[in-house]
């Protein structure tokens, strides 16, 4: 075990990270402090506690900490390389931002792909313990979901209106920069001899977040067309597109499996059914066409479809269905599609979304500054 003053700085940093919209709660075992000691040196932790979660300049941080500009710039650039601080340029000025746990510290070292980062082996078992001891509740036990299912565009009925914030193709095309990395959840699961056989390189990031990841070797640059092709392939493989539960512009689309994804684990292991908000659509099977083969039932990540194989046609439990469209592309008779739900979810603008996530934990926007 570390000596106590050493742990104290990591507890201070944990408290800091816990102020973010998706926080970093304390556990009985203190495994979260071990995670932080892998990601931050003591020197970095001491300066990170002074960083805001919104963008800042090296000058501003030097002023806040009383350290020299030279020292602050050096440490910030090192942390940007290590994936703990975002670095970007706006109007010719270099800006920084402390990464929260999600999207950020939890994924960064896995994004380059399995075996590509020496810290993966240390972090995987620590995050695994942390998920069980605290994080599954942090992301799932809240009034407002962090993520929403984004329907696969081609699975929506021709009769249904495609809402702009539900249109993955439009959401991808309106961003100016596109990047793809590897799924942290599936890589972590593999370290535990668990996991699934679905493909890994389909974690999509856009805009300034994507640009940072490409510049620092955490992801590779792709075109909007390639991103859309990745979404289509992911849907065929049975992966669920998930994005922030705000109208956009969005910065991330994950392609999640129900075996490994930490949000699906929150649903199944920690019993938080609303960890992923449903889309504005629901799957519906046309009974006259359905041949009761059961493929959609096997594919549904929410176990929302019941089929008496070879006997009774598919029935979708609308309450459970998240409207992802995973059931659609492999139906041999085109009997199932997404239609508009009657109870459409409220999808807020970005600022309201952040405020809702903070309110869920009795936190305040001012803590991010």
Protein backbone atom coordinates (compact mmCIF):
# COMPACT_ATOMS: atom_id res chain seq x y z
CA UNK A 1 0.00 0.00 0.00
CA UNK A 2 1.18 3.55 -0.64
CA UNK A 3 2.13 5.90 2.17
CA UNK A 4 -0.67 8.19 3.24
CA UNK A 5 0.28 11.61 1.87
CA UNK A 6 0.54 9.96 -1.53
CA UNK A 7 -3.02 8.63 -1.30
CA UNK A 8 -4.27 11.98 -0.07
CA UNK A 9 -3.49 13.75 -3.35
CA UNK A 10 -5.29 10.99 -5.27
CA UNK A 11 -8.32 11.33 -3.00
CA UNK A 12 -8.31 15.09 -3.73
CA UNK A 13 -8.16 14.32 -7.45
CA UNK A 14 -10.98 11.78 -7.09
CA UNK A 15 -13.12 14.46 -5.42
CA UNK A 16 -12.31 16.79 -8.30
CA UNK A 17 -13.26 14.20 -10.95
CA UNK A 18 -16.45 13.41 -9.04
CA UNK A 19 -17.68 16.94 -9.80
CA UNK A 20 -18.04 16.15 -13.50
CA UNK A 21 -21.52 15.32 -14.91
CA UNK A 22 -20.50 11.65 -14.89
CA UNK A 23 -18.57 11.43 -11.65
CA UNK A 24 -15.99 9.22 -9.99
CA UNK A 25 -17.57 8.02 -6.73
CA UNK A 26 -15.66 6.62 -3.77
CA UNK A 27 -15.73 2.87 -3.10
CA UNK A 28 -15.07 0.93 0.10
CA UNK A 29 -11.89 -0.65 -1.32
CA UNK A 30 -10.50 2.61 -2.71
CA UNK A 31 -9.71 0.95 -6.07
CA UNK A 32 -10.42 4.30 -7.78
CA UNK A 33 -7.32 5.82 -6.17
CA UNK A 34 -5.23 2.98 -7.60
CA UNK A 35 -6.62 3.81 -11.05
CA UNK A 36 -5.63 7.45 -10.60
CA UNK A 37 -2.13 6.54 -9.45
CA UNK A 38 -1.64 4.62 -12.72
CA UNK A 39 -2.93 7.51 -14.85
CA UNK A 40 -1.36 10.47 -13.00
CA UNK A 41 2.03 10.93 -11.35
CA UNK A 42 1.83 12.70 -7.97
CA UNK A 43 3.14 15.86 -9.59
CA UNK A 44 0.44 15.68 -12.30
CA UNK A 45 -2.28 14.96 -9.74
CA UNK A 46 -1.24 18.02 -7.72
CA UNK A 47 -1.74 20.29 -10.72
CA UNK A 48 -4.82 18.48 -12.11
CA UNK A 49 -6.87 19.34 -9.01
CA UNK A 50 -6.66 23.00 -10.13
CA UNK A 51 -7.86 22.39 -13.70
CA UNK A 52 -11.39 23.21 -14.83
CA UNK A 53 -13.48 20.78 -16.90
CA UNK A 54 -14.02 23.56 -19.42
CA UNK A 55 -11.23 24.75 -21.72
CA UNK A 56 -8.44 26.87 -20.29
CA UNK A 57 -5.05 28.20 -21.38
CA UNK A 58 -1.66 27.47 -19.87
CA UNK A 59 -1.53 31.14 -18.76
CA UNK A 60 -4.76 30.76 -16.81
CA UNK A 61 -3.51 27.61 -15.07
CA UNK A 62 -0.13 29.21 -14.27
CA UNK A 63 -2.01 32.05 -12.61
CA UNK A 64 -4.25 29.65 -10.70
CA UNK A 65 -1.36 27.54 -9.40
CA UNK A 66 1.36 30.18 -9.00
CA UNK A 67 3.71 28.00 -11.09
CA UNK A 68 5.80 29.30 -13.98
CA UNK A 69 4.25 29.25 -17.45
CA UNK A 70 7.15 27.15 -18.70
CA UNK A 71 6.53 24.48 -16.05
CA UNK A 72 2.77 24.47 -16.63
CA UNK A 73 3.10 24.13 -20.42
CA UNK A 74 5.56 21.28 -20.08
CA UNK A 75 3.36 19.31 -17.70
CA UNK A 76 0.18 19.99 -19.72
CA UNK A 77 1.77 18.74 -22.93
CA UNK A 78 3.01 15.61 -21.18
CA UNK A 79 -0.48 14.97 -19.82
CA UNK A 80 -1.98 15.52 -23.27
CA UNK A 81 0.36 12.80 -24.57
CA UNK A 82 -0.70 10.50 -21.72
CA UNK A 83 -4.40 10.99 -22.45
CA UNK A 84 -5.40 12.74 -19.23
CA UNK A 85 -5.72 16.28 -20.62
CA UNK A 86 -7.38 17.33 -23.89
CA UNK A 87 -5.31 19.71 -26.00
CA UNK A 88 -6.52 21.60 -29.04
CA UNK A 89 -6.20 24.87 -30.90
CA UNK A 90 -8.81 27.54 -31.37
CA UNK A 91 -8.09 30.76 -33.26
CA UNK A 92 -4.37 30.01 -33.12
CA UNK A 93 -4.43 29.64 -29.32
CA UNK A 94 -3.60 26.37 -27.58
CA UNK A 95 -6.27 25.29 -25.12
CA UNK A 96 -6.50 22.45 -22.61
CA UNK A 97 -9.19 20.66 -20.63
CA UNK A 98 -9.03 18.01 -17.92
CA UNK A 99 -10.64 14.79 -19.14
CA UNK A 100 -13.47 13.41 -16.99
CA UNK A 101 -13.78 9.66 -16.44
CA UNK A 102 -16.28 9.32 -19.34
CA UNK A 103 -15.66 10.12 -22.22
CA UNK A 104 -12.00 10.33 -21.32
CA UNK A 105 -9.85 8.65 -18.71
CA UNK A 106 -11.72 5.33 -18.80
CA UNK A 107 -11.35 4.77 -22.54
CA UNK A 108 -8.20 6.57 -23.61
CA UNK A 109 -5.61 3.81 -23.12
CA UNK A 110 -7.78 1.22 -24.86
CA UNK A 111 -8.66 3.30 -27.94
CA UNK A 112 -5.40 2.49 -29.83
CA UNK A 113 -6.39 -1.20 -29.87
CA UNK A 114 -5.60 -4.39 -27.92
CA UNK A 115 -1.98 -4.62 -26.77
CA UNK A 116 -1.12 -1.18 -28.17
CA UNK A 117 -0.70 0.50 -24.78
CA UNK A 118 1.32 -0.90 -21.87
CA UNK A 119 -1.15 0.48 -19.30
CA UNK A 120 -4.03 -1.71 -20.53
CA UNK A 121 -2.90 -4.70 -18.52
CA UNK A 122 -2.79 -2.67 -15.29
CA UNK A 123 -5.98 -0.72 -15.89
CA UNK A 124 -8.30 -3.52 -17.10
CA UNK A 125 -8.54 -5.39 -13.75
CA UNK A 126 -8.76 -2.12 -11.78
CA UNK A 127 -11.59 -0.73 -13.92
CA UNK A 128 -13.32 -4.09 -13.76
CA UNK A 129 -13.35 -3.95 -9.97
CA UNK A 130 -14.36 -0.30 -10.02
CA UNK A 131 -17.33 -1.01 -12.31
CA UNK A 132 -18.70 -3.56 -9.87
CA UNK A 133 -17.96 -1.56 -6.72
CA UNK A 134 -19.27 1.83 -7.80
CA UNK A 135 -19.37 2.80 -11.42
CA UNK A 136 -22.33 0.73 -12.66
CA UNK A 137 -24.48 2.60 -10.13
CA UNK A 138 -22.96 5.97 -11.04
CA UNK A 139 -23.95 5.58 -14.69
CA UNK A 140 -27.26 3.78 -14.20
CA UNK A 141 -28.89 4.90 -10.94
CA UNK A 142 -30.02 8.30 -12.15
CA UNK A 143 -33.16 9.98 -13.35
CA UNK A 144 -31.59 11.10 -16.64
CA UNK A 145 -29.81 8.59 -18.87
CA UNK A 146 -26.29 9.47 -20.00
CA UNK A 147 -26.59 7.65 -23.32
CA UNK A 148 -29.39 7.15 -25.79
CA UNK A 149 -29.78 4.46 -28.42
CA UNK A 150 -29.37 5.93 -31.89
CA UNK A 151 -31.42 4.01 -34.46
CA UNK A 152 -29.71 2.60 -37.54
CA UNK A 153 -31.15 4.85 -40.25
CA UNK A 154 -31.88 2.05 -42.73
CA UNK A 155 -33.98 0.17 -40.17
CA UNK A 156 -36.57 2.94 -39.78
CA UNK A 157 -39.86 2.40 -41.61
CA UNK A 158 -40.32 4.41 -44.79
CA UNK A 159 -43.60 5.67 -43.33
CA UNK A 160 -41.89 7.10 -40.23
CA UNK A 161 -40.42 10.57 -40.04
CA UNK A 162 -36.68 10.56 -39.38
CA UNK A 163 -36.04 13.17 -36.71
CA UNK A 164 -32.82 15.18 -37.21
CA UNK A 165 -31.26 14.17 -33.86
CA UNK A 166 -32.21 10.53 -34.53
CA UNK A 167 -30.52 10.52 -37.93
CA UNK A 168 -27.07 9.00 -37.46
CA UNK A 169 -26.06 9.80 -41.02
CA UNK A 170 -26.95 13.47 -40.61
CA UNK A 171 -25.30 13.66 -37.17
CA UNK A 172 -22.07 12.23 -38.62
CA UNK A 173 -22.11 14.44 -41.72
CA UNK A 174 -22.58 17.68 -39.80
CA UNK A 175 -19.28 17.18 -37.98
CA UNK A 176 -16.08 18.40 -39.63
CA UNK A 177 -13.70 15.74 -38.30
CA UNK A 178 -14.16 11.96 -37.95
CA UNK A 179 -12.04 9.40 -36.12
CA UNK A 180 -12.31 5.77 -35.11
CA UNK A 181 -10.74 3.96 -32.17
CA UNK A 182 -11.20 0.59 -30.49
CA UNK A 183 -13.89 -0.34 -27.98
CA UNK A 184 -12.54 -0.10 -24.41
CA UNK A 185 -15.28 -2.32 -22.97
CA UNK A 186 -14.64 -5.27 -25.30
CA UNK A 187 -10.88 -5.04 -24.85
CA UNK A 188 -11.24 -4.97 -21.04
CA UNK A 189 -13.54 -7.99 -21.14
CA UNK A 190 -10.94 -9.94 -23.14
CA UNK A 191 -8.39 -9.35 -20.37
CA UNK A 192 -10.77 -11.26 -18.11
CA UNK A 193 -11.18 -14.17 -20.49
CA UNK A 194 -14.71 -12.94 -21.10
CA UNK A 195 -16.08 -10.90 -23.91
CA UNK A 196 -17.56 -11.57 -27.30
CA UNK A 197 -16.34 -12.00 -30.85
CA UNK A 198 -17.66 -8.79 -32.32
CA UNK A 199 -15.30 -6.45 -34.08
CA UNK A 200 -13.47 -3.87 -32.04
CA UNK A 201 -12.54 -0.90 -34.20
CA UNK A 202 -15.83 0.97 -34.20
CA UNK A 203 -15.69 3.59 -31.45
CA UNK A 204 -16.40 6.85 -33.34
CA UNK A 205 -15.33 10.34 -32.25
CA UNK A 206 -15.93 13.67 -33.94
CA UNK A 207 -14.86 17.30 -33.92
CA UNK A 208 -12.22 18.55 -31.49
CA UNK A 209 -12.30 15.33 -29.43
CA UNK A 210 -11.63 13.22 -32.53
CA UNK A 211 -8.90 15.59 -33.67
CA UNK A 212 -7.13 15.36 -30.29
CA UNK A 213 -7.29 11.54 -30.37
CA UNK A 214 -5.78 11.36 -33.86
CA UNK A 215 -3.03 13.89 -33.05
CA UNK A 216 -1.98 11.89 -29.98
CA UNK A 217 -2.19 8.42 -31.55
CA UNK A 218 -5.38 7.26 -29.82
CA UNK A 219 -7.51 6.93 -32.96
CA UNK A 220 -7.24 7.13 -36.75
CA UNK A 221 -8.76 9.73 -39.03
CA UNK A 222 -11.55 8.55 -41.32
CA UNK A 223 -14.06 10.23 -43.64
CA UNK A 224 -17.75 10.77 -42.88
CA UNK A 225 -18.53 8.07 -45.47
CA UNK A 226 -16.25 5.58 -43.69
CA UNK A 227 -17.91 6.41 -40.37
CA UNK A 228 -21.33 5.73 -41.88
CA UNK A 229 -20.10 2.41 -43.34
CA UNK A 230 -18.77 1.46 -39.87
CA UNK A 231 -22.23 2.16 -38.40
CA UNK A 232 -23.89 -0.03 -41.00
CA UNK A 233 -21.47 -2.90 -40.39
CA UNK A 234 -21.91 -2.54 -36.62
CA UNK A 235 -25.69 -2.81 -36.97
CA UNK A 236 -25.28 -6.00 -39.05
CA UNK A 237 -23.04 -7.42 -36.34
CA UNK A 238 -25.67 -6.76 -33.70
CA UNK A 239 -24.07 -3.71 -32.11
CA UNK A 240 -26.16 -0.82 -30.80
CA UNK A 241 -25.27 2.75 -31.80
CA UNK A 242 -25.20 4.84 -28.62
CA UNK A 243 -24.54 8.55 -28.28
CA UNK A 244 -24.92 11.38 -25.75
CA UNK A 245 -28.54 11.94 -24.79
CA UNK A 246 -28.53 15.45 -26.23
CA UNK A 247 -29.57 16.83 -29.60
CA UNK A 248 -25.99 17.44 -30.67
CA UNK A 249 -23.64 18.28 -32.15
CA UNK A 250 -22.50 14.91 -30.84
CA UNK A 251 -18.86 14.05 -30.16
CA UNK A 252 -19.05 10.25 -29.82
CA UNK A 253 -20.99 7.30 -31.17
CA UNK A 254 -20.20 4.01 -29.45
CA UNK A 255 -21.23 0.70 -30.99
CA UNK A 256 -22.15 -1.39 -27.99
CA UNK A 257 -22.66 -5.09 -27.33
CA UNK A 258 -24.82 -6.36 -24.52
CA UNK A 259 -22.00 -8.67 -23.28
CA UNK A 260 -19.18 -6.23 -22.54
CA UNK A 261 -20.49 -2.66 -22.61
CA UNK A 262 -20.40 -0.99 -19.20
CA UNK A 263 -23.81 0.61 -19.85
CA UNK A 264 -25.39 -2.75 -20.71
CA UNK A 265 -23.70 -4.18 -17.59
CA UNK A 266 -25.39 -1.41 -15.64
CA UNK A 267 -28.72 -2.64 -17.06
CA UNK A 268 -28.14 -6.36 -16.51
CA UNK A 269 -25.72 -6.67 -13.59
CA UNK A 270 -26.64 -3.61 -11.52
CA UNK A 271 -30.32 -3.71 -12.57
CA UNK A 272 -30.69 -0.14 -13.83
CA UNK A 273 -33.09 -0.60 -16.76
CA UNK A 274 -32.79 3.00 -17.95
CA UNK A 275 -29.00 3.18 -18.25
CA UNK A 276 -29.52 3.62 -22.01
CA UNK A 277 -32.49 5.78 -23.06
CA UNK A 278 -34.65 4.47 -25.87
CA UNK A 279 -34.86 6.24 -29.21
CA UNK A 280 -38.05 7.75 -30.67
CA UNK A 281 -38.73 4.42 -32.39
CA UNK A 282 -39.90 0.96 -31.44
CA UNK A 283 -39.55 -2.33 -33.33
CA UNK A 284 -42.70 -3.87 -34.68
CA UNK A 285 -43.11 -7.26 -36.39
CA UNK A 286 -45.65 -7.75 -39.16
CA UNK A 287 -47.36 -10.92 -38.06
CA UNK A 288 -48.56 -11.87 -41.56
CA UNK A 289 -44.95 -11.93 -42.83
CA UNK A 290 -43.14 -13.36 -39.78
CA UNK A 291 -42.03 -16.99 -40.09
CA UNK A 292 -41.18 -17.39 -36.37
CA UNK A 293 -37.51 -18.21 -37.05
CA UNK A 294 -36.35 -16.53 -33.83
CA UNK A 295 -33.33 -14.70 -35.28
CA UNK A 296 -34.54 -11.30 -34.02
CA UNK A 297 -35.07 -12.74 -30.55
CA UNK A 298 -31.49 -14.00 -30.42
CA UNK A 299 -30.12 -10.69 -31.64
CA UNK A 300 -32.09 -8.30 -29.42
CA UNK A 301 -29.68 -6.74 -26.89
CA UNK A 302 -32.59 -5.93 -24.54
CA UNK A 303 -34.25 -9.38 -24.64
CA UNK A 304 -37.37 -7.46 -25.72
CA UNK A 305 -38.55 -9.92 -28.39
CA UNK A 306 -40.33 -13.19 -27.73
CA UNK A 307 -40.75 -15.83 -30.45
CA UNK A 308 -42.05 -19.37 -30.01
CA UNK A 309 -39.69 -20.76 -32.60
CA UNK A 310 -41.48 -22.30 -35.60
CA UNK A 311 -44.81 -21.73 -33.89
CA UNK A 312 -45.70 -18.20 -32.88
CA UNK A 313 -44.63 -14.94 -34.57
CA UNK A 314 -42.38 -12.35 -32.95
CA UNK A 315 -43.83 -10.12 -30.23
CA UNK A 316 -41.93 -6.99 -29.22
CA UNK A 317 -42.25 -5.76 -25.65
CA UNK A 318 -42.36 -2.01 -26.33
CA UNK A 319 -41.40 -1.10 -22.75
CA UNK A 320 -38.06 -2.91 -23.04
CA UNK A 321 -37.27 -2.11 -26.69
CA UNK A 322 -34.73 0.72 -26.99
CA UNK A 323 -35.41 1.26 -30.69
CA UNK A 324 -31.92 0.46 -31.94
CA UNK A 325 -32.83 -1.54 -35.06
CA UNK A 326 -30.45 -4.45 -34.41
CA UNK A 327 -33.33 -6.84 -35.12
CA UNK A 328 -34.00 -5.51 -38.63
CA UNK A 329 -31.15 -6.30 -41.05
CA UNK A 330 -31.05 -10.08 -40.59
CA UNK A 331 -34.78 -10.86 -40.79
CA UNK A 332 -35.00 -13.29 -43.72
CA UNK A 333 -38.48 -12.07 -44.70
CA UNK A 334 -38.25 -8.33 -43.88
CA UNK A 335 -40.99 -8.67 -41.28
CA UNK A 336 -39.63 -6.27 -38.67
CA UNK A 337 -38.84 -2.55 -38.73
CA UNK A 338 -38.73 0.53 -36.51
CA UNK A 339 -41.80 2.75 -36.30
CA UNK A 340 -42.33 5.97 -34.32
CA UNK A 341 -43.14 5.49 -30.65
CA UNK A 342 -46.13 7.21 -29.14
CA UNK A 343 -44.13 8.14 -26.03
CA UNK A 344 -41.20 9.93 -27.61
CA UNK A 345 -38.33 10.73 -25.23
CA UNK A 346 -37.37 14.32 -24.51
CA UNK A 347 -33.97 14.93 -26.07
CA UNK A 348 -32.55 18.17 -24.61
CA UNK A 349 -30.00 20.58 -26.02
CA UNK A 350 -26.42 20.07 -24.84
CA UNK A 351 -26.43 22.59 -22.00
CA UNK A 352 -29.70 21.28 -20.52
CA UNK A 353 -28.36 17.73 -20.84
CA UNK A 354 -25.24 18.58 -18.81
CA UNK A 355 -27.40 20.34 -16.21
CA UNK A 356 -29.66 17.29 -15.90
CA UNK A 357 -26.70 14.97 -15.34
CA UNK A 358 -25.35 17.31 -12.66
CA UNK A 359 -28.79 17.61 -10.99
CA UNK A 360 -29.07 13.83 -10.77
CA UNK A 361 -26.19 13.95 -8.29
CA UNK A 362 -27.03 17.27 -6.61
CA UNK A 363 -24.05 18.90 -8.32
CA UNK A 364 -23.67 22.36 -9.67
CA UNK A 365 -22.42 23.78 -12.96
CA UNK A 366 -20.07 26.14 -11.10
CA UNK A 367 -18.03 23.13 -9.92
CA UNK A 368 -16.91 22.57 -13.52
CA UNK A 369 -15.19 25.95 -13.63
